[in-house]
Amino acid sequence: MSNRRLNAANVRTYASIFAALGDETRLSVLARLAGGAPRSITELTEGTKLTRQAVTKHLKVLEDVGVVRAAKVGRESQFALEPKAIDDARAYLERVSRQWDDALARLKSFVEG
C-alpha cells in the first residue's frame, strides 16, 4: 500500500488523536496513566485542581480516539493507556518526517547541483 493511500485512509484517525493530545489537561492525564497501571477517576484527580467531572470529560475524549480504555471494576471505572494507538500515531509521524527529510534532501540536491 502506498504512503499516499495509507495517509488518505488514516488521516482522519490521526487528526483526531493529535487533536485530543493537543490539550494540556489531557496530556497531563495521559502522563498519569503512562506508568502502566489502570487508575480510577479519583486517583487521576488526586493532587490536582481538576474536578471529577473535568477528568471524566477529558477521559471520554481520549477514549473516543482510542488512546485510553476503560474497564469496570466493581462500581468504579479504571482507565488505562492504550499504547498501540500512541505507537501508531508515532509511526505515522515518523513516516511524515521521513517524507519531509526526503523532500528536503531532493531540494538541497537540486539547489546545490
C-alpha atoms as a PDB file:
ATOM      1  CA  MET A   1       0.000   0.000   0.000  1.00  0.00           C
ATOM      2  CA  SER A   2       1.402   3.405  -0.935  1.00  0.00           C
ATOM      3  CA  ASN A   3       2.049   6.115   1.637  1.00  0.00           C
ATOM      4  CA  ARG A   4      -0.462   8.300  -0.219  1.00  0.00           C
ATOM      5  CA  ARG A   5      -3.224   5.722   0.176  1.00  0.00           C
ATOM      6  CA  LEU A   6      -2.221   4.967   3.754  1.00  0.00           C
ATOM      7  CA  ASN A   7      -2.280   8.658   4.652  1.00  0.00           C
ATOM      8  CA  ALA A   8      -5.612   9.242   2.932  1.00  0.00           C
ATOM      9  CA  ALA A   9      -7.194   6.256   4.670  1.00  0.00           C
ATOM     10  CA  ASN A  10      -5.947   7.191   8.140  1.00  0.00           C
ATOM     11  CA  VAL A  11      -5.637  10.971   8.167  1.00  0.00           C
ATOM     12  CA  ARG A  12      -8.956  11.465   9.976  1.00  0.00           C
ATOM     13  CA  THR A  13      -7.963   8.997  12.705  1.00  0.00           C
ATOM     14  CA  TYR A  14      -4.550  10.579  13.212  1.00  0.00           C
ATOM     15  CA  ALA A  15      -6.010  14.096  13.157  1.00  0.00           C
ATOM     16  CA  SER A  16      -8.457  13.078  15.902  1.00  0.00           C
ATOM     17  CA  ILE A  17      -5.671  11.610  18.035  1.00  0.00           C
ATOM     18  CA  PHE A  18      -3.448  14.668  17.598  1.00  0.00           C
ATOM     19  CA  ALA A  19      -6.375  17.000  18.360  1.00  0.00           C
ATOM     20  CA  ALA A  20      -7.093  15.063  21.561  1.00  0.00           C
ATOM     21  CA  LEU A  21      -3.418  15.176  22.542  1.00  0.00           C
ATOM     22  CA  GLY A  22      -3.305  18.911  21.841  1.00  0.00           C
ATOM     23  CA  ASP A  23      -4.945  19.712  25.166  1.00  0.00           C
ATOM     24  CA  GLU A  24      -2.720  20.345  28.195  1.00  0.00           C
ATOM     25  CA  THR A  25      -5.122  18.688  30.637  1.00  0.00           C
ATOM     26  CA  ARG A  26      -5.451  15.560  28.528  1.00  0.00           C
ATOM     27  CA  LEU A  27      -1.667  15.309  28.213  1.00  0.00           C
ATOM     28  CA  SER A  28      -1.454  15.592  31.991  1.00  0.00           C
ATOM     29  CA  VAL A  29      -3.989  12.780  32.409  1.00  0.00           C
ATOM     30  CA  LEU A  30      -2.042  10.622  29.934  1.00  0.00           C
ATOM     31  CA  ALA A  31       1.165  11.273  31.850  1.00  0.00           C
ATOM     32  CA  ARG A  32      -0.527   9.947  34.975  1.00  0.00           C
ATOM     33  CA  LEU A  33      -1.563   6.819  33.074  1.00  0.00           C
ATOM     34  CA  ALA A  34       1.869   6.314  31.499  1.00  0.00           C
ATOM     35  CA  GLY A  35       3.070   4.263  34.463  1.00  0.00           C
ATOM     36  CA  GLY A  36       1.025   1.401  33.072  1.00  0.00           C
ATOM     37  CA  ALA A  37      -1.302   0.733  35.994  1.00  0.00           C
ATOM     38  CA  PRO A  38      -5.004   1.423  35.443  1.00  0.00           C
ATOM     39  CA  ARG A  39      -6.301   4.290  37.565  1.00  0.00           C
ATOM     40  CA  SER A  40      -9.692   5.447  38.729  1.00  0.00           C
ATOM     41  CA  ILE A  41     -11.014   8.960  38.263  1.00  0.00           C
ATOM     42  CA  THR A  42     -10.399   9.535  41.977  1.00  0.00           C
ATOM     43  CA  GLU A  43      -6.741   8.565  41.564  1.00  0.00           C
ATOM     44  CA  LEU A  44      -6.413  10.741  38.477  1.00  0.00           C
ATOM     45  CA  THR A  45      -7.725  13.808  40.312  1.00  0.00           C
ATOM     46  CA  GLU A  46      -5.580  13.336  43.442  1.00  0.00           C
ATOM     47  CA  GLY A  47      -3.139  16.192  43.932  1.00  0.00           C
ATOM     48  CA  THR A  48      -4.646  18.254  41.119  1.00  0.00           C
ATOM     49  CA  LYS A  49      -7.150  21.076  40.956  1.00  0.00           C
ATOM     50  CA  LEU A  50      -9.219  19.109  38.458  1.00  0.00           C
ATOM     51  CA  THR A  51     -12.745  18.063  39.292  1.00  0.00           C
ATOM     52  CA  ARG A  52     -14.002  14.540  38.723  1.00  0.00           C
ATOM     53  CA  GLN A  53     -16.342  15.942  36.046  1.00  0.00           C
ATOM     54  CA  ALA A  54     -13.448  17.599  34.196  1.00  0.00           C
ATOM     55  CA  VAL A  55     -11.331  14.441  34.267  1.00  0.00           C
ATOM     56  CA  THR A  56     -14.332  12.389  33.137  1.00  0.00           C
ATOM     57  CA  LYS A  57     -14.852  14.732  30.178  1.00  0.00           C
ATOM     58  CA  HIS A  58     -11.188  14.545  29.158  1.00  0.00           C
ATOM     59  CA  LEU A  59     -11.064  10.768  29.575  1.00  0.00           C
ATOM     60  CA  LYS A  60     -14.104  10.446  27.296  1.00  0.00           C
ATOM     61  CA  VAL A  61     -12.286  12.393  24.558  1.00  0.00           C
ATOM     62  CA  LEU A  62      -9.184  10.212  24.966  1.00  0.00           C
ATOM     63  CA  GLU A  63     -11.276   7.049  24.986  1.00  0.00           C
ATOM     64  CA  ASP A  64     -13.174   8.119  21.849  1.00  0.00           C
ATOM     65  CA  VAL A  65      -9.901   8.354  19.878  1.00  0.00           C
ATOM     66  CA  GLY A  66      -8.614   5.053  21.270  1.00  0.00           C
ATOM     67  CA  VAL A  67      -5.757   6.412  23.387  1.00  0.00           C
ATOM     68  CA  VAL A  68      -7.351   5.311  26.664  1.00  0.00           C
ATOM     69  CA  ARG A  69      -9.513   2.309  27.502  1.00  0.00           C
ATOM     70  CA  ALA A  70     -11.921   1.921  30.382  1.00  0.00           C
ATOM     71  CA  ALA A  71     -12.899  -1.175  32.312  1.00  0.00           C
ATOM     72  CA  LYS A  72     -15.470  -1.541  35.084  1.00  0.00           C
ATOM     73  CA  VAL A  73     -14.002  -2.861  38.331  1.00  0.00           C
ATOM     74  CA  GLY A  74     -16.768  -3.169  40.860  1.00  0.00           C
ATOM     75  CA  ARG A  75     -18.585   0.167  40.972  1.00  0.00           C
ATOM     76  CA  GLU A  76     -15.650   2.119  39.524  1.00  0.00           C
ATOM     77  CA  SER A  77     -14.200   2.543  36.102  1.00  0.00           C
ATOM     78  CA  GLN A  78     -10.468   2.028  35.757  1.00  0.00           C
ATOM     79  CA  PHE A  79      -8.695   3.814  32.917  1.00  0.00           C
ATOM     80  CA  ALA A  80      -5.508   2.676  31.212  1.00  0.00           C
ATOM     81  CA  LEU A  81      -3.304   3.979  28.448  1.00  0.00           C
ATOM     82  CA  GLU A  82      -3.752   2.204  25.116  1.00  0.00           C
ATOM     83  CA  PRO A  83      -0.155   2.077  23.880  1.00  0.00           C
ATOM     84  CA  LYS A  84      -0.993   0.767  20.394  1.00  0.00           C
ATOM     85  CA  ALA A  85      -2.819   3.980  19.494  1.00  0.00           C
ATOM     86  CA  ILE A  86       0.149   6.054  20.677  1.00  0.00           C
ATOM     87  CA  ASP A  87       2.587   3.766  18.820  1.00  0.00           C
ATOM     88  CA  ASP A  88       0.528   4.027  15.623  1.00  0.00           C
ATOM     89  CA  ALA A  89       0.467   7.839  15.867  1.00  0.00           C
ATOM     90  CA  ARG A  90       4.223   7.892  16.485  1.00  0.00           C
ATOM     91  CA  ALA A  91       4.800   5.654  13.452  1.00  0.00           C
ATOM     92  CA  TYR A  92       2.668   7.998  11.347  1.00  0.00           C
ATOM     93  CA  LEU A  93       4.762  10.985  12.466  1.00  0.00           C
ATOM     94  CA  GLU A  94       7.939   9.060  11.653  1.00  0.00           C
ATOM     95  CA  ARG A  95       6.643   8.354   8.111  1.00  0.00           C
ATOM     96  CA  VAL A  96       5.790  12.031   7.627  1.00  0.00           C
ATOM     97  CA  SER A  97       9.190  13.025   8.999  1.00  0.00           C
ATOM     98  CA  ARG A  98      10.948  10.690   6.543  1.00  0.00           C
ATOM     99  CA  GLN A  99       8.899  12.159   3.683  1.00  0.00           C
ATOM    100  CA  TRP A 100       9.951  15.683   4.676  1.00  0.00           C
ATOM    101  CA  ASP A 101      13.588  14.601   5.067  1.00  0.00           C
ATOM    102  CA  ASP A 102      13.491  13.052   1.587  1.00  0.00           C
ATOM    103  CA  ALA A 103      11.878  16.153   0.082  1.00  0.00           C
ATOM    104  CA  LEU A 104      14.421  18.445   1.729  1.00  0.00           C
ATOM    105  CA  ALA A 105      17.297  16.240   0.536  1.00  0.00           C
ATOM    106  CA  ARG A 106      15.946  16.420  -3.035  1.00  0.00           C
ATOM    107  CA  LEU A 107      15.625  20.202  -2.756  1.00  0.00           C
ATOM    108  CA  LYS A 108      19.163  20.507  -1.413  1.00  0.00           C
ATOM    109  CA  SER A 109      20.472  18.310  -4.210  1.00  0.00           C
ATOM    110  CA  PHE A 110      18.626  20.388  -6.788  1.00  0.00           C
ATOM    111  CA  VAL A 111      19.835  23.728  -5.360  1.00  0.00           C
ATOM    112  CA  GLU A 112      23.424  22.591  -4.938  1.00  0.00           C
ATOM    113  CA  GLY A 113      23.572  20.567  -8.141  1.00  0.00           C
END
